[in-house]
Amino acid sequence: MRRTPLSRSWAERGMAPTWRAINGIKRSLTLDLRKPAAKDIIRRMVATSDAVMENFPPCVMDRLGLGHAALNPQLVYCAISGFGQTSPYRDEAGYDGKIPVLSGMTTAFAVSPALF
């Protein structure tokens, strides 16, 4: 997507139109949430935000003092994890590799690739 030939000048800068349309306004930030300075940054960001989305296992943000009530009860707060908030696997990390195995999709693909 970054190098699509629709616009050579944008593609050369790694900013092809399709990539920009999907990713143009995204920004990245990495913080160690165990550190007080990182928590302060989160609190400052949340003060001007309408929504927060996190994908830690249940209760991690609460333990860090950054849960919904601690941040701002008026926020739209989305707690999303690979296995949900109440499943037997809720405390496990959800990542590609584990999810297909647990769903049985890797077995189906290995047995009969024609199914896909």
N, C-alpha and C. Protein backbone atom coordinates (compact mmCIF):
# COMPACT_ATOMS: atom_id res chain seq x y z
N MET A 1 0.81 -1.20 0.00
CA MET A 1 0.00 0.00 0.00
C MET A 1 0.86 1.27 0.00
N ARG A 2 1.98 1.23 0.66
CA ARG A 2 2.82 2.42 0.74
C ARG A 2 3.45 2.77 -0.59
N ARG A 3 3.66 1.79 -1.44
CA ARG A 3 4.42 2.02 -2.67
C ARG A 3 3.56 1.88 -3.93
N THR A 4 2.26 1.96 -3.80
CA THR A 4 1.40 1.81 -4.96
C THR A 4 1.78 2.82 -6.05
N PRO A 5 1.78 2.43 -7.31
CA PRO A 5 2.26 3.30 -8.37
C PRO A 5 1.26 4.37 -8.82
N LEU A 6 0.15 4.55 -8.14
CA LEU A 6 -0.83 5.54 -8.57
C LEU A 6 -0.25 6.95 -8.60
N SER A 7 0.68 7.22 -7.72
CA SER A 7 1.34 8.52 -7.71
C SER A 7 2.81 8.29 -7.37
N ARG A 8 3.66 8.36 -8.35
CA ARG A 8 5.08 8.06 -8.15
C ARG A 8 5.70 8.95 -7.07
N SER A 9 5.39 10.25 -7.07
CA SER A 9 6.02 11.15 -6.10
C SER A 9 5.60 10.81 -4.67
N TRP A 10 4.33 10.45 -4.47
CA TRP A 10 3.88 10.06 -3.13
C TRP A 10 4.45 8.70 -2.75
N ALA A 11 4.49 7.77 -3.71
CA ALA A 11 5.03 6.44 -3.43
C ALA A 11 6.50 6.52 -3.03
N GLU A 12 7.27 7.40 -3.67
CA GLU A 12 8.69 7.55 -3.33
C GLU A 12 8.88 8.06 -1.92
N ARG A 13 7.92 8.79 -1.40
CA ARG A 13 7.99 9.28 -0.02
C ARG A 13 7.34 8.30 0.96
N GLY A 14 6.87 7.15 0.47
CA GLY A 14 6.22 6.17 1.33
C GLY A 14 4.84 6.62 1.77
N MET A 15 4.20 7.46 0.96
CA MET A 15 2.91 8.02 1.33
C MET A 15 1.93 7.92 0.17
N ALA A 16 1.79 6.74 -0.39
CA ALA A 16 0.88 6.54 -1.51
C ALA A 16 -0.56 6.83 -1.08
N PRO A 17 -1.43 7.21 -2.03
CA PRO A 17 -2.80 7.62 -1.68
C PRO A 17 -3.58 6.60 -0.85
N THR A 18 -3.51 5.33 -1.18
CA THR A 18 -4.26 4.33 -0.43
C THR A 18 -3.76 4.27 1.01
N TRP A 19 -2.46 4.27 1.19
CA TRP A 19 -1.89 4.23 2.54
C TRP A 19 -2.29 5.47 3.32
N ARG A 20 -2.21 6.65 2.70
CA ARG A 20 -2.57 7.90 3.37
C ARG A 20 -4.04 7.92 3.75
N ALA A 21 -4.89 7.37 2.89
CA ALA A 21 -6.33 7.37 3.18
C ALA A 21 -6.64 6.57 4.44
N ILE A 22 -5.90 5.50 4.68
CA ILE A 22 -6.15 4.65 5.84
C ILE A 22 -5.35 5.11 7.06
N ASN A 23 -4.14 5.58 6.85
CA ASN A 23 -3.23 5.86 7.97
C ASN A 23 -2.85 7.32 8.13
N GLY A 24 -3.39 8.20 7.34
CA GLY A 24 -2.93 9.59 7.28
C GLY A 24 -2.94 10.35 8.59
N ILE A 25 -3.92 10.11 9.46
CA ILE A 25 -3.99 10.90 10.69
C ILE A 25 -3.51 10.15 11.93
N LYS A 26 -3.00 8.95 11.75
CA LYS A 26 -2.55 8.17 12.89
C LYS A 26 -1.20 8.65 13.38
N ARG A 27 -1.00 8.59 14.67
CA ARG A 27 0.28 8.90 15.29
C ARG A 27 0.62 7.78 16.25
N SER A 28 1.89 7.55 16.50
CA SER A 28 2.32 6.47 17.39
C SER A 28 3.07 7.04 18.58
N LEU A 29 2.94 6.35 19.69
CA LEU A 29 3.61 6.73 20.92
C LEU A 29 3.83 5.46 21.73
N THR A 30 5.02 5.28 22.23
CA THR A 30 5.33 4.12 23.07
C THR A 30 5.66 4.62 24.47
N LEU A 31 4.97 4.08 25.48
CA LEU A 31 5.19 4.48 26.86
C LEU A 31 5.31 3.25 27.74
N ASP A 32 6.14 3.33 28.75
CA ASP A 32 6.22 2.30 29.79
C ASP A 32 5.26 2.73 30.89
N LEU A 33 4.07 2.14 30.91
CA LEU A 33 3.01 2.58 31.81
C LEU A 33 3.29 2.29 33.28
N ARG A 34 4.41 1.65 33.57
CA ARG A 34 4.79 1.45 34.98
C ARG A 34 5.49 2.69 35.54
N LYS A 35 5.87 3.62 34.65
CA LYS A 35 6.60 4.80 35.08
C LYS A 35 5.65 5.98 35.30
N PRO A 36 5.84 6.72 36.39
CA PRO A 36 4.97 7.86 36.68
C PRO A 36 4.90 8.89 35.55
N ALA A 37 6.02 9.17 34.89
CA ALA A 37 6.02 10.16 33.81
C ALA A 37 5.11 9.70 32.66
N ALA A 38 5.10 8.40 32.37
CA ALA A 38 4.24 7.88 31.31
C ALA A 38 2.77 8.02 31.70
N LYS A 39 2.46 7.77 32.96
CA LYS A 39 1.07 7.92 33.43
C LYS A 39 0.63 9.38 33.33
N ASP A 40 1.53 10.29 33.62
CA ASP A 40 1.20 11.71 33.49
C ASP A 40 0.90 12.07 32.04
N ILE A 41 1.66 11.51 31.11
CA ILE A 41 1.42 11.76 29.69
C ILE A 41 0.04 11.25 29.30
N ILE A 42 -0.31 10.05 29.74
CA ILE A 42 -1.63 9.49 29.45
C ILE A 42 -2.72 10.39 30.00
N ARG A 43 -2.59 10.83 31.23
CA ARG A 43 -3.61 11.69 31.84
C ARG A 43 -3.77 13.00 31.07
N ARG A 44 -2.67 13.58 30.61
CA ARG A 44 -2.74 14.82 29.83
C ARG A 44 -3.42 14.58 28.48
N MET A 45 -3.12 13.46 27.86
CA MET A 45 -3.74 13.15 26.57
C MET A 45 -5.24 12.92 26.73
N VAL A 46 -5.62 12.22 27.78
CA VAL A 46 -7.02 11.88 28.01
C VAL A 46 -7.84 13.14 28.33
N ALA A 47 -7.21 14.13 28.90
CA ALA A 47 -7.93 15.36 29.25
C ALA A 47 -8.56 16.03 28.03
N THR A 48 -8.01 15.80 26.85
CA THR A 48 -8.55 16.40 25.63
C THR A 48 -9.09 15.35 24.66
N SER A 49 -9.35 14.16 25.14
CA SER A 49 -9.81 13.07 24.29
C SER A 49 -11.28 12.77 24.52
N ASP A 50 -11.91 12.19 23.50
CA ASP A 50 -13.29 11.74 23.62
C ASP A 50 -13.38 10.25 23.90
N ALA A 51 -12.34 9.51 23.49
CA ALA A 51 -12.38 8.05 23.62
C ALA A 51 -10.99 7.51 23.89
N VAL A 52 -10.96 6.38 24.58
CA VAL A 52 -9.72 5.64 24.85
C VAL A 52 -9.96 4.20 24.47
N MET A 53 -9.00 3.61 23.79
CA MET A 53 -9.08 2.20 23.43
C MET A 53 -7.81 1.53 23.93
N GLU A 54 -7.97 0.43 24.65
CA GLU A 54 -6.82 -0.33 25.13
C GLU A 54 -7.09 -1.81 24.93
N ASN A 55 -5.99 -2.60 24.82
CA ASN A 55 -6.18 -4.03 24.59
C ASN A 55 -5.35 -4.87 25.54
N PHE A 56 -5.28 -4.44 26.77
CA PHE A 56 -4.63 -5.24 27.80
C PHE A 56 -5.60 -6.29 28.33
N PRO A 57 -5.10 -7.34 28.98
CA PRO A 57 -6.02 -8.26 29.67
C PRO A 57 -6.83 -7.49 30.71
N PRO A 58 -7.97 -8.03 31.11
CA PRO A 58 -8.84 -7.34 32.07
C PRO A 58 -8.09 -6.89 33.33
N CYS A 59 -8.43 -5.73 33.82
CA CYS A 59 -7.96 -5.15 35.08
C CYS A 59 -6.54 -4.59 35.04
N VAL A 60 -5.80 -4.76 33.97
CA VAL A 60 -4.43 -4.24 33.92
C VAL A 60 -4.43 -2.72 34.06
N MET A 61 -5.28 -2.04 33.30
CA MET A 61 -5.32 -0.58 33.39
C MET A 61 -5.76 -0.12 34.77
N ASP A 62 -6.69 -0.83 35.39
CA ASP A 62 -7.08 -0.49 36.77
C ASP A 62 -5.91 -0.62 37.72
N ARG A 63 -5.16 -1.72 37.60
CA ARG A 63 -3.99 -1.92 38.47
C ARG A 63 -2.94 -0.83 38.27
N LEU A 64 -2.85 -0.30 37.05
CA LEU A 64 -1.90 0.76 36.77
C LEU A 64 -2.42 2.14 37.20
N GLY A 65 -3.67 2.18 37.65
CA GLY A 65 -4.27 3.45 38.04
C GLY A 65 -4.74 4.26 36.84
N LEU A 66 -4.96 3.58 35.71
CA LEU A 66 -5.35 4.25 34.47
C LEU A 66 -6.65 3.70 33.90
N GLY A 67 -7.46 3.10 34.76
CA GLY A 67 -8.74 2.56 34.29
C GLY A 67 -9.74 3.66 33.99
N HIS A 68 -10.89 3.26 33.52
CA HIS A 68 -11.94 4.19 33.09
C HIS A 68 -12.27 5.22 34.16
N ALA A 69 -12.58 4.80 35.35
CA ALA A 69 -12.97 5.72 36.42
C ALA A 69 -11.82 6.65 36.81
N ALA A 70 -10.60 6.14 36.78
CA ALA A 70 -9.44 6.96 37.17
C ALA A 70 -9.14 8.03 36.13
N LEU A 71 -9.38 7.74 34.88
CA LEU A 71 -9.06 8.69 33.82
C LEU A 71 -10.12 9.77 33.70
N ASN A 72 -11.32 9.36 33.37
CA ASN A 72 -12.41 10.31 33.17
C ASN A 72 -13.66 9.50 32.90
N PRO A 73 -14.60 9.47 33.82
CA PRO A 73 -15.80 8.66 33.63
C PRO A 73 -16.65 9.08 32.43
N GLN A 74 -16.40 10.27 31.88
CA GLN A 74 -17.16 10.75 30.72
C GLN A 74 -16.62 10.20 29.39
N LEU A 75 -15.46 9.58 29.41
CA LEU A 75 -14.86 9.04 28.20
C LEU A 75 -15.63 7.86 27.65
N VAL A 76 -15.56 7.70 26.34
CA VAL A 76 -15.95 6.43 25.73
C VAL A 76 -14.72 5.56 25.91
N TYR A 77 -14.83 4.48 26.69
CA TYR A 77 -13.68 3.66 27.06
C TYR A 77 -13.89 2.27 26.49
N CYS A 78 -13.02 1.86 25.58
CA CYS A 78 -13.12 0.54 24.96
C CYS A 78 -11.99 -0.34 25.47
N ALA A 79 -12.35 -1.37 26.23
CA ALA A 79 -11.38 -2.34 26.71
C ALA A 79 -11.53 -3.58 25.84
N ILE A 80 -10.57 -3.78 24.96
CA ILE A 80 -10.65 -4.88 23.99
C ILE A 80 -9.44 -5.78 24.19
N SER A 81 -9.69 -7.06 24.35
CA SER A 81 -8.58 -8.00 24.48
C SER A 81 -8.83 -9.18 23.54
N GLY A 82 -7.79 -9.92 23.27
CA GLY A 82 -7.89 -11.03 22.33
C GLY A 82 -8.94 -12.05 22.69
N PHE A 83 -9.18 -12.24 23.98
CA PHE A 83 -10.13 -13.27 24.42
C PHE A 83 -11.27 -12.72 25.25
N GLY A 84 -11.49 -11.41 25.19
CA GLY A 84 -12.61 -10.81 25.89
C GLY A 84 -12.33 -10.60 27.38
N GLN A 85 -13.33 -10.10 28.06
CA GLN A 85 -13.19 -9.76 29.47
C GLN A 85 -13.60 -10.90 30.40
N THR A 86 -14.34 -11.89 29.90
CA THR A 86 -14.89 -12.92 30.79
C THR A 86 -14.58 -14.35 30.38
N SER A 87 -13.90 -14.56 29.26
CA SER A 87 -13.67 -15.94 28.80
C SER A 87 -12.62 -16.63 29.68
N PRO A 88 -12.53 -17.95 29.59
CA PRO A 88 -11.51 -18.67 30.36
C PRO A 88 -10.08 -18.26 29.99
N TYR A 89 -9.89 -17.71 28.81
CA TYR A 89 -8.56 -17.30 28.35
C TYR A 89 -8.33 -15.79 28.53
N ARG A 90 -9.17 -15.11 29.27
CA ARG A 90 -9.13 -13.64 29.36
C ARG A 90 -7.79 -13.07 29.80
N ASP A 91 -7.02 -13.80 30.58
CA ASP A 91 -5.73 -13.29 31.06
C ASP A 91 -4.57 -13.59 30.11
N GLU A 92 -4.87 -14.23 29.00
CA GLU A 92 -3.84 -14.58 28.02
C GLU A 92 -3.74 -13.52 26.93
N ALA A 93 -2.56 -13.35 26.40
CA ALA A 93 -2.38 -12.43 25.27
C ALA A 93 -2.98 -13.07 24.02
N GLY A 94 -3.67 -12.26 23.26
CA GLY A 94 -4.23 -12.73 22.00
C GLY A 94 -3.34 -12.25 20.85
N TYR A 95 -2.82 -13.16 20.09
CA TYR A 95 -1.95 -12.78 18.97
C TYR A 95 -2.11 -13.80 17.86
N ASP A 96 -1.74 -13.35 16.65
CA ASP A 96 -1.85 -14.24 15.51
C ASP A 96 -0.92 -15.43 15.73
N GLY A 97 -1.41 -16.58 15.57
CA GLY A 97 -0.68 -17.81 15.88
C GLY A 97 -1.47 -18.56 16.93
N LYS A 98 -1.73 -17.91 18.03
CA LYS A 98 -2.50 -18.54 19.10
C LYS A 98 -3.98 -18.62 18.73
N ILE A 99 -4.52 -17.54 18.20
CA ILE A 99 -5.96 -17.50 17.90
C ILE A 99 -6.34 -18.54 16.84
N PRO A 100 -5.61 -18.66 15.71
CA PRO A 100 -5.98 -19.71 14.75
C PRO A 100 -5.87 -21.12 15.34
N VAL A 101 -4.88 -21.34 16.19
CA VAL A 101 -4.72 -22.66 16.79
C VAL A 101 -5.91 -22.98 17.69
N LEU A 102 -6.30 -22.03 18.54
CA LEU A 102 -7.42 -22.27 19.45
C LEU A 102 -8.75 -22.37 18.72
N SER A 103 -8.86 -21.71 17.57
CA SER A 103 -10.12 -21.76 16.82
C SER A 103 -10.24 -23.03 15.99
N GLY A 104 -9.13 -23.74 15.78
CA GLY A 104 -9.15 -24.93 14.95
C GLY A 104 -8.88 -24.66 13.48
N MET A 105 -8.68 -23.39 13.13
CA MET A 105 -8.47 -23.06 11.72
C MET A 105 -7.15 -23.60 11.18
N THR A 106 -6.13 -23.70 12.00
CA THR A 106 -4.87 -24.23 11.50
C THR A 106 -5.02 -25.71 11.15
N THR A 107 -5.80 -26.44 11.93
CA THR A 107 -6.03 -27.85 11.65
C THR A 107 -6.80 -28.01 10.35
N ALA A 108 -7.84 -27.20 10.18
CA ALA A 108 -8.65 -27.31 8.96
C ALA A 108 -7.80 -26.98 7.73
N PHE A 109 -6.95 -25.98 7.83
CA PHE A 109 -6.12 -25.60 6.70
C PHE A 109 -5.09 -26.69 6.40
N ALA A 110 -4.51 -27.27 7.44
CA ALA A 110 -3.50 -28.31 7.24
C ALA A 110 -4.12 -29.56 6.62
N VAL A 111 -5.35 -29.86 6.99
CA VAL A 111 -6.01 -31.05 6.48
C VAL A 111 -6.50 -30.85 5.04
N SER A 112 -7.11 -29.69 4.79
CA SER A 112 -7.68 -29.49 3.45
C SER A 112 -7.57 -28.03 3.01
N PRO A 113 -6.47 -27.67 2.38
CA PRO A 113 -6.33 -26.30 1.91
C PRO A 113 -7.42 -25.92 0.89
N ALA A 114 -8.05 -26.88 0.29
CA ALA A 114 -9.11 -26.60 -0.70
C ALA A 114 -10.31 -25.95 -0.05
N LEU A 115 -10.45 -26.06 1.29
CA LEU A 115 -11.56 -25.43 1.98
C LEU A 115 -11.47 -23.92 1.90
N PHE A 116 -10.28 -23.42 1.67
CA PHE A 116 -10.08 -21.97 1.68
C PHE A 116 -9.85 -21.52 0.29
